[in-house]
Amino acid sequence: MENASKALIIAGAILLAILIISLGIMIYNQASGTVNNNAIDEVDITSFNQKFTQYEGDNIRGAQVDALLDQIRTNNVTYQDDTSKQVEVEVVSGTNWTSTTLPSGNLIGSSVTNAQSGATYKVKCTMDSKSGLVEKVTIQNAT
């Protein structure tokens, strides 16, 4: 009788140990899945922002500004239904431009006028504090 009760106690301890180990593995897998999902999000954010930040700087030529505006327009048309990924354009008043109409807003459905090819511009990207995505590009004369 003594041996039978010891065998039951040992069997219960083994089952309890297996349960604790299984629970630990399950928690580890869930935690590593969360870390991997965040890493993918960071890669997506960096990839999205890089399309615009590559044009950022103090002495950007007019042709590069035009390429940036085309990139913004393409992006905003692509993400027309997702306002969190649309990029707003602000051209500071008094900036050299080929027409008196300065591009502004999200550029969806608008014709984009060109920057002066011989002029240099200062381009600054502003990120959204919550998502980390570029939300606004400001263009002004380089000083």
N, C-alpha and C. Protein backbone atom coordinates (compact mmCIF):
# COMPACT_ATOMS: atom_id res chain seq x y z
N MET A 1 0.81 -1.18 0.00
CA MET A 1 0.00 0.00 0.00
C MET A 1 0.86 1.26 0.00
N GLU A 2 1.94 1.18 0.75
CA GLU A 2 2.85 2.31 0.82
C GLU A 2 3.45 2.62 -0.55
N ASN A 3 3.81 1.60 -1.29
CA ASN A 3 4.41 1.79 -2.62
C ASN A 3 3.41 2.38 -3.60
N ALA A 4 2.17 2.01 -3.51
CA ALA A 4 1.13 2.52 -4.40
C ALA A 4 0.91 4.01 -4.17
N SER A 5 0.88 4.43 -2.93
CA SER A 5 0.66 5.85 -2.65
C SER A 5 1.86 6.69 -3.08
N LYS A 6 3.07 6.16 -2.92
CA LYS A 6 4.26 6.88 -3.39
C LYS A 6 4.26 6.98 -4.91
N ALA A 7 3.82 5.94 -5.59
CA ALA A 7 3.76 5.94 -7.06
C ALA A 7 2.77 6.99 -7.54
N LEU A 8 1.64 7.11 -6.86
CA LEU A 8 0.65 8.14 -7.24
C LEU A 8 1.19 9.54 -6.99
N ILE A 9 1.91 9.74 -5.92
CA ILE A 9 2.49 11.05 -5.63
C ILE A 9 3.53 11.40 -6.70
N ILE A 10 4.37 10.46 -7.08
CA ILE A 10 5.38 10.69 -8.12
C ILE A 10 4.71 10.97 -9.46
N ALA A 11 3.68 10.23 -9.82
CA ALA A 11 2.97 10.45 -11.08
C ALA A 11 2.34 11.85 -11.11
N GLY A 12 1.76 12.25 -9.98
CA GLY A 12 1.16 13.59 -9.90
C GLY A 12 2.22 14.67 -10.04
N ALA A 13 3.37 14.47 -9.43
CA ALA A 13 4.45 15.45 -9.55
C ALA A 13 4.96 15.55 -10.98
N ILE A 14 5.05 14.42 -11.67
CA ILE A 14 5.50 14.41 -13.07
C ILE A 14 4.48 15.15 -13.94
N LEU A 15 3.20 14.89 -13.74
CA LEU A 15 2.17 15.59 -14.52
C LEU A 15 2.18 17.09 -14.25
N LEU A 16 2.38 17.46 -13.01
CA LEU A 16 2.46 18.88 -12.66
C LEU A 16 3.67 19.54 -13.31
N ALA A 17 4.81 18.85 -13.32
CA ALA A 17 6.02 19.38 -13.96
C ALA A 17 5.80 19.56 -15.46
N ILE A 18 5.17 18.60 -16.12
CA ILE A 18 4.89 18.69 -17.56
C ILE A 18 3.95 19.87 -17.83
N LEU A 19 2.97 20.07 -16.98
CA LEU A 19 2.04 21.19 -17.15
C LEU A 19 2.76 22.53 -17.02
N ILE A 20 3.64 22.67 -16.05
CA ILE A 20 4.39 23.92 -15.85
C ILE A 20 5.33 24.18 -17.03
N ILE A 21 6.01 23.15 -17.51
CA ILE A 21 6.91 23.31 -18.67
C ILE A 21 6.12 23.71 -19.91
N SER A 22 4.96 23.08 -20.14
CA SER A 22 4.12 23.41 -21.31
C SER A 22 3.63 24.85 -21.23
N LEU A 23 3.25 25.27 -20.06
CA LEU A 23 2.79 26.65 -19.87
C LEU A 23 3.92 27.64 -20.16
N GLY A 24 5.12 27.33 -19.70
CA GLY A 24 6.29 28.19 -19.96
C GLY A 24 6.59 28.29 -21.44
N ILE A 25 6.52 27.18 -22.17
CA ILE A 25 6.77 27.19 -23.62
C ILE A 25 5.71 28.01 -24.34
N MET A 26 4.46 27.87 -23.93
CA MET A 26 3.37 28.63 -24.57
C MET A 26 3.57 30.14 -24.36
N ILE A 27 3.92 30.53 -23.16
CA ILE A 27 4.15 31.96 -22.88
C ILE A 27 5.32 32.48 -23.68
N TYR A 28 6.39 31.70 -23.77
CA TYR A 28 7.56 32.11 -24.55
C TYR A 28 7.20 32.30 -26.02
N ASN A 29 6.46 31.37 -26.61
CA ASN A 29 6.07 31.48 -28.02
C ASN A 29 5.20 32.71 -28.28
N GLN A 30 4.31 33.01 -27.37
CA GLN A 30 3.48 34.21 -27.55
C GLN A 30 4.31 35.48 -27.45
N ALA A 31 5.23 35.52 -26.52
CA ALA A 31 6.08 36.70 -26.36
C ALA A 31 7.00 36.88 -27.56
N SER A 32 7.56 35.83 -28.08
CA SER A 32 8.45 35.96 -29.24
C SER A 32 7.66 36.35 -30.48
N GLY A 33 6.42 35.92 -30.59
CA GLY A 33 5.58 36.32 -31.72
C GLY A 33 5.30 37.81 -31.69
N THR A 34 5.08 38.37 -30.51
CA THR A 34 4.85 39.80 -30.37
C THR A 34 6.08 40.59 -30.75
N VAL A 35 7.25 40.14 -30.33
CA VAL A 35 8.49 40.82 -30.67
C VAL A 35 8.71 40.78 -32.18
N ASN A 36 8.46 39.65 -32.82
CA ASN A 36 8.64 39.55 -34.27
C ASN A 36 7.67 40.44 -35.02
N ASN A 37 6.43 40.57 -34.56
CA ASN A 37 5.46 41.45 -35.22
C ASN A 37 5.89 42.91 -35.13
N ASN A 38 6.44 43.33 -34.00
CA ASN A 38 6.91 44.71 -33.86
C ASN A 38 8.08 44.98 -34.77
N ALA A 39 8.96 44.01 -34.94
CA ALA A 39 10.11 44.19 -35.82
C ALA A 39 9.64 44.37 -37.26
N ILE A 40 8.64 43.63 -37.66
CA ILE A 40 8.11 43.77 -39.02
C ILE A 40 7.49 45.15 -39.19
N ASP A 41 6.77 45.63 -38.19
CA ASP A 41 6.17 46.95 -38.26
C ASP A 41 7.26 48.03 -38.40
N GLU A 42 8.34 47.90 -37.66
CA GLU A 42 9.44 48.86 -37.74
C GLU A 42 10.05 48.87 -39.14
N VAL A 43 10.17 47.71 -39.74
CA VAL A 43 10.71 47.62 -41.10
C VAL A 43 9.77 48.31 -42.08
N ASP A 44 8.47 48.09 -41.91
CA ASP A 44 7.48 48.74 -42.79
C ASP A 44 7.51 50.26 -42.63
N ILE A 45 7.62 50.73 -41.41
CA ILE A 45 7.67 52.17 -41.15
C ILE A 45 8.91 52.79 -41.79
N THR A 46 10.05 52.13 -41.60
CA THR A 46 11.30 52.63 -42.18
C THR A 46 11.23 52.65 -43.70
N SER A 47 10.67 51.61 -44.27
CA SER A 47 10.54 51.53 -45.73
C SER A 47 9.61 52.63 -46.25
N PHE A 48 8.50 52.86 -45.57
CA PHE A 48 7.56 53.91 -45.96
C PHE A 48 8.22 55.28 -45.89
N ASN A 49 8.87 55.57 -44.76
CA ASN A 49 9.48 56.88 -44.54
C ASN A 49 10.63 57.15 -45.49
N GLN A 50 11.37 56.13 -45.86
CA GLN A 50 12.56 56.29 -46.69
C GLN A 50 12.21 56.87 -48.07
N LYS A 51 10.99 56.61 -48.53
CA LYS A 51 10.56 57.16 -49.83
C LYS A 51 10.58 58.68 -49.82
N PHE A 52 10.41 59.28 -48.65
CA PHE A 52 10.32 60.73 -48.54
C PHE A 52 11.57 61.35 -47.90
N THR A 53 12.12 60.69 -46.91
CA THR A 53 13.27 61.25 -46.20
C THR A 53 14.53 61.28 -47.05
N GLN A 54 14.56 60.50 -48.12
CA GLN A 54 15.74 60.55 -49.00
C GLN A 54 15.88 61.91 -49.68
N TYR A 55 14.80 62.67 -49.74
CA TYR A 55 14.83 64.00 -50.35
C TYR A 55 15.03 65.11 -49.32
N GLU A 56 15.12 64.76 -48.06
CA GLU A 56 15.21 65.75 -46.99
C GLU A 56 16.61 66.37 -46.97
N GLY A 57 16.66 67.69 -46.76
CA GLY A 57 17.95 68.37 -46.66
C GLY A 57 17.82 69.86 -46.88
N ASP A 58 18.97 70.55 -46.85
CA ASP A 58 18.97 72.02 -46.96
C ASP A 58 19.25 72.54 -48.36
N ASN A 59 19.87 71.77 -49.23
CA ASN A 59 20.20 72.23 -50.58
C ASN A 59 19.70 71.22 -51.62
N ILE A 60 18.40 71.12 -51.74
CA ILE A 60 17.78 70.16 -52.65
C ILE A 60 17.42 70.88 -53.94
N ARG A 61 17.84 70.34 -55.06
CA ARG A 61 17.57 70.94 -56.38
C ARG A 61 16.09 70.82 -56.75
N GLY A 62 15.67 71.67 -57.65
CA GLY A 62 14.27 71.69 -58.10
C GLY A 62 13.81 70.37 -58.69
N ALA A 63 14.67 69.70 -59.45
CA ALA A 63 14.29 68.41 -60.05
C ALA A 63 14.03 67.36 -58.96
N GLN A 64 14.81 67.41 -57.89
CA GLN A 64 14.58 66.47 -56.79
C GLN A 64 13.28 66.78 -56.06
N VAL A 65 12.97 68.06 -55.93
CA VAL A 65 11.70 68.46 -55.30
C VAL A 65 10.54 67.97 -56.15
N ASP A 66 10.65 68.09 -57.48
CA ASP A 66 9.61 67.59 -58.38
C ASP A 66 9.44 66.07 -58.22
N ALA A 67 10.56 65.35 -58.12
CA ALA A 67 10.49 63.89 -57.92
C ALA A 67 9.82 63.57 -56.58
N LEU A 68 10.12 64.35 -55.55
CA LEU A 68 9.48 64.17 -54.24
C LEU A 68 7.97 64.38 -54.35
N LEU A 69 7.56 65.44 -55.03
CA LEU A 69 6.12 65.71 -55.19
C LEU A 69 5.42 64.59 -55.95
N ASP A 70 6.08 64.05 -56.97
CA ASP A 70 5.51 62.90 -57.70
C ASP A 70 5.39 61.70 -56.78
N GLN A 71 6.39 61.47 -55.94
CA GLN A 71 6.37 60.35 -55.00
C GLN A 71 5.22 60.51 -54.00
N ILE A 72 5.03 61.73 -53.51
CA ILE A 72 3.94 61.99 -52.57
C ILE A 72 2.60 61.78 -53.23
N ARG A 73 2.46 62.28 -54.44
CA ARG A 73 1.18 62.13 -55.15
C ARG A 73 0.86 60.67 -55.39
N THR A 74 1.85 59.89 -55.83
CA THR A 74 1.66 58.45 -56.06
C THR A 74 1.29 57.75 -54.76
N ASN A 75 1.98 58.10 -53.69
CA ASN A 75 1.69 57.51 -52.38
C ASN A 75 0.26 57.82 -51.95
N ASN A 76 -0.17 59.06 -52.09
CA ASN A 76 -1.49 59.46 -51.62
C ASN A 76 -2.60 58.84 -52.46
N VAL A 77 -2.34 58.62 -53.73
CA VAL A 77 -3.34 57.94 -54.56
C VAL A 77 -3.40 56.46 -54.16
N THR A 78 -2.24 55.86 -53.90
CA THR A 78 -2.20 54.45 -53.50
C THR A 78 -2.93 54.24 -52.18
N TYR A 79 -2.73 55.13 -51.23
CA TYR A 79 -3.35 55.01 -49.91
C TYR A 79 -4.52 55.98 -49.76
N GLN A 80 -5.31 56.12 -50.80
CA GLN A 80 -6.42 57.07 -50.81
C GLN A 80 -7.44 56.75 -49.70
N ASP A 81 -7.61 55.47 -49.38
CA ASP A 81 -8.58 55.08 -48.36
C ASP A 81 -7.98 55.00 -46.97
N ASP A 82 -6.67 55.15 -46.84
CA ASP A 82 -5.99 55.06 -45.54
C ASP A 82 -5.34 56.41 -45.23
N THR A 83 -6.06 57.27 -44.53
CA THR A 83 -5.56 58.62 -44.28
C THR A 83 -4.32 58.64 -43.40
N SER A 84 -4.07 57.57 -42.65
CA SER A 84 -2.89 57.54 -41.78
C SER A 84 -1.59 57.46 -42.58
N LYS A 85 -1.70 57.03 -43.84
CA LYS A 85 -0.50 56.91 -44.68
C LYS A 85 -0.42 57.99 -45.75
N GLN A 86 -1.31 58.96 -45.72
CA GLN A 86 -1.24 60.06 -46.67
C GLN A 86 -0.30 61.13 -46.14
N VAL A 87 0.43 61.74 -47.07
CA VAL A 87 1.42 62.74 -46.71
C VAL A 87 0.94 64.10 -47.22
N GLU A 88 0.94 65.06 -46.33
CA GLU A 88 0.53 66.42 -46.67
C GLU A 88 1.76 67.21 -47.12
N VAL A 89 1.54 68.12 -48.06
CA VAL A 89 2.62 68.98 -48.56
C VAL A 89 2.32 70.41 -48.15
N GLU A 90 3.35 71.09 -47.67
CA GLU A 90 3.24 72.52 -47.37
C GLU A 90 4.43 73.22 -48.03
N VAL A 91 4.12 74.13 -48.96
CA VAL A 91 5.17 74.94 -49.57
C VAL A 91 5.03 76.32 -48.94
N VAL A 92 6.09 76.76 -48.28
CA VAL A 92 6.07 78.02 -47.56
C VAL A 92 5.89 79.17 -48.55
N SER A 93 5.03 80.10 -48.21
CA SER A 93 4.76 81.25 -49.06
C SER A 93 6.05 81.99 -49.37
N GLY A 94 6.21 82.42 -50.62
CA GLY A 94 7.40 83.14 -51.04
C GLY A 94 8.47 82.23 -51.61
N THR A 95 8.18 80.94 -51.69
CA THR A 95 9.14 79.97 -52.23
C THR A 95 9.15 80.08 -53.75
N ASN A 96 10.35 79.99 -54.36
CA ASN A 96 10.47 80.04 -55.83
C ASN A 96 9.72 78.87 -56.45
N TRP A 97 8.80 79.20 -57.38
CA TRP A 97 8.01 78.16 -58.03
C TRP A 97 7.73 78.60 -59.46
N THR A 98 7.37 77.65 -60.34
CA THR A 98 7.15 78.01 -61.74
C THR A 98 5.80 78.66 -61.97
N SER A 99 4.91 78.59 -61.00
CA SER A 99 3.61 79.27 -61.13
C SER A 99 3.26 79.88 -59.78
N THR A 100 2.20 80.66 -59.78
CA THR A 100 1.79 81.30 -58.53
C THR A 100 1.00 80.34 -57.65
N THR A 101 0.54 79.22 -58.23
CA THR A 101 -0.20 78.22 -57.45
C THR A 101 0.78 77.24 -56.83
N LEU A 102 0.89 77.27 -55.53
CA LEU A 102 1.80 76.37 -54.82
C LEU A 102 1.07 75.07 -54.47
N PRO A 103 1.74 73.93 -54.63
CA PRO A 103 1.09 72.67 -54.23
C PRO A 103 0.89 72.65 -52.72
N SER A 104 -0.24 72.13 -52.29
CA SER A 104 -0.50 72.01 -50.86
C SER A 104 -1.51 70.90 -50.63
N GLY A 105 -1.63 70.49 -49.39
CA GLY A 105 -2.58 69.45 -49.04
C GLY A 105 -2.03 68.08 -49.37
N ASN A 106 -2.94 67.16 -49.72
CA ASN A 106 -2.50 65.79 -49.96
C ASN A 106 -2.28 65.46 -51.44
N LEU A 107 -2.46 66.41 -52.34
CA LEU A 107 -2.16 66.30 -53.77
C LEU A 107 -2.95 65.24 -54.52
N ILE A 108 -4.00 64.69 -53.96
CA ILE A 108 -4.80 63.70 -54.69
C ILE A 108 -5.66 64.44 -55.70
N GLY A 109 -5.60 64.03 -56.95
CA GLY A 109 -6.43 64.60 -57.99
C GLY A 109 -6.04 66.01 -58.41
N SER A 110 -4.87 66.46 -58.01
CA SER A 110 -4.46 67.81 -58.40
C SER A 110 -3.25 67.73 -59.32
N SER A 111 -3.15 68.72 -60.18
CA SER A 111 -1.96 68.78 -61.02
C SER A 111 -0.86 69.44 -60.22
N VAL A 112 0.30 68.84 -60.28
CA VAL A 112 1.42 69.34 -59.48
C VAL A 112 2.26 70.26 -60.34
N THR A 113 2.40 71.51 -59.90
CA THR A 113 3.28 72.43 -60.61
C THR A 113 4.71 72.15 -60.21
N ASN A 114 5.65 72.64 -60.99
CA ASN A 114 7.05 72.29 -60.79
C ASN A 114 7.81 73.36 -60.01
N ALA A 115 8.81 72.89 -59.29
CA ALA A 115 9.75 73.79 -58.64
C ALA A 115 10.68 74.33 -59.71
N GLN A 116 11.31 75.47 -59.46
CA GLN A 116 12.25 76.02 -60.44
C GLN A 116 13.50 75.15 -60.48
N SER A 117 13.92 74.79 -61.69
CA SER A 117 15.01 73.83 -61.83
C SER A 117 16.35 74.37 -61.35
N GLY A 118 16.58 75.66 -61.44
CA GLY A 118 17.86 76.21 -61.00
C GLY A 118 17.91 76.58 -59.53
N ALA A 119 16.78 76.57 -58.86
CA ALA A 119 16.71 76.99 -57.46
C ALA A 119 17.04 75.81 -56.54
N THR A 120 17.41 76.14 -55.31
CA THR A 120 17.60 75.12 -54.29
C THR A 120 16.58 75.33 -53.18
N TYR A 121 16.20 74.23 -52.57
CA TYR A 121 15.12 74.25 -51.58
C TYR A 121 15.55 73.54 -50.32
N LYS A 122 14.86 73.87 -49.24
CA LYS A 122 15.03 73.16 -47.98
C LYS A 122 13.79 72.29 -47.79
N VAL A 123 14.01 71.00 -47.62
CA VAL A 123 12.91 70.04 -47.47
C VAL A 123 12.99 69.42 -46.08
N LYS A 124 11.86 69.46 -45.36
CA LYS A 124 11.82 68.89 -44.01
C LYS A 124 10.62 67.97 -43.89
N CYS A 125 10.85 66.76 -43.37
CA CYS A 125 9.78 65.80 -43.14
C CYS A 125 9.39 65.81 -41.67
N THR A 126 8.09 65.80 -41.41
CA THR A 126 7.58 65.76 -40.05
C THR A 126 6.90 64.41 -39.85
N MET A 127 7.28 63.72 -38.75
CA MET A 127 6.73 62.40 -38.45
C MET A 127 5.54 62.52 -37.51
N ASP A 128 4.61 61.60 -37.65
CA ASP A 128 3.48 61.50 -36.73
C ASP A 128 4.01 60.91 -35.41
N SER A 129 3.66 61.51 -34.29
CA SER A 129 4.21 61.08 -33.00
C SER A 129 3.73 59.70 -32.58
N LYS A 130 2.56 59.27 -33.04
CA LYS A 130 2.03 57.97 -32.62
C LYS A 130 2.49 56.84 -33.56
N SER A 131 2.33 57.03 -34.86
CA SER A 131 2.64 55.95 -35.80
C SER A 131 4.09 55.94 -36.25
N GLY A 132 4.76 57.09 -36.20
CA GLY A 132 6.14 57.16 -36.68
C GLY A 132 6.25 57.36 -38.17
N LEU A 133 5.13 57.47 -38.87
CA LEU A 133 5.13 57.66 -40.33
C LEU A 133 5.26 59.14 -40.66
N VAL A 134 5.83 59.42 -41.84
CA VAL A 134 5.90 60.80 -42.33
C VAL A 134 4.47 61.28 -42.56
N GLU A 135 4.12 62.42 -41.97
CA GLU A 135 2.77 62.95 -42.15
C GLU A 135 2.76 64.25 -42.95
N LYS A 136 3.91 64.95 -42.98
CA LYS A 136 3.95 66.25 -43.63
C LYS A 136 5.36 66.52 -44.18
N VAL A 137 5.41 67.12 -45.36
CA VAL A 137 6.67 67.55 -45.97
C VAL A 137 6.57 69.05 -46.20
N THR A 138 7.52 69.79 -45.65
CA THR A 138 7.56 71.24 -45.79
C THR A 138 8.68 71.61 -46.75
N ILE A 139 8.37 72.47 -47.72
CA ILE A 139 9.34 72.90 -48.73
C ILE A 139 9.42 74.42 -48.68
N GLN A 140 10.65 74.92 -48.64
CA GLN A 140 10.86 76.37 -48.67
C GLN A 140 12.19 76.66 -49.35
N ASN A 141 12.43 77.94 -49.65
CA ASN A 141 13.68 78.33 -50.26
C ASN A 141 14.85 78.01 -49.33
N ALA A 142 15.94 77.56 -49.92
CA ALA A 142 17.15 77.33 -49.13
C ALA A 142 17.77 78.71 -48.83
N THR A 143 18.19 78.90 -47.62
CA THR A 143 18.77 80.20 -47.27
C THR A 143 20.24 80.09 -46.96
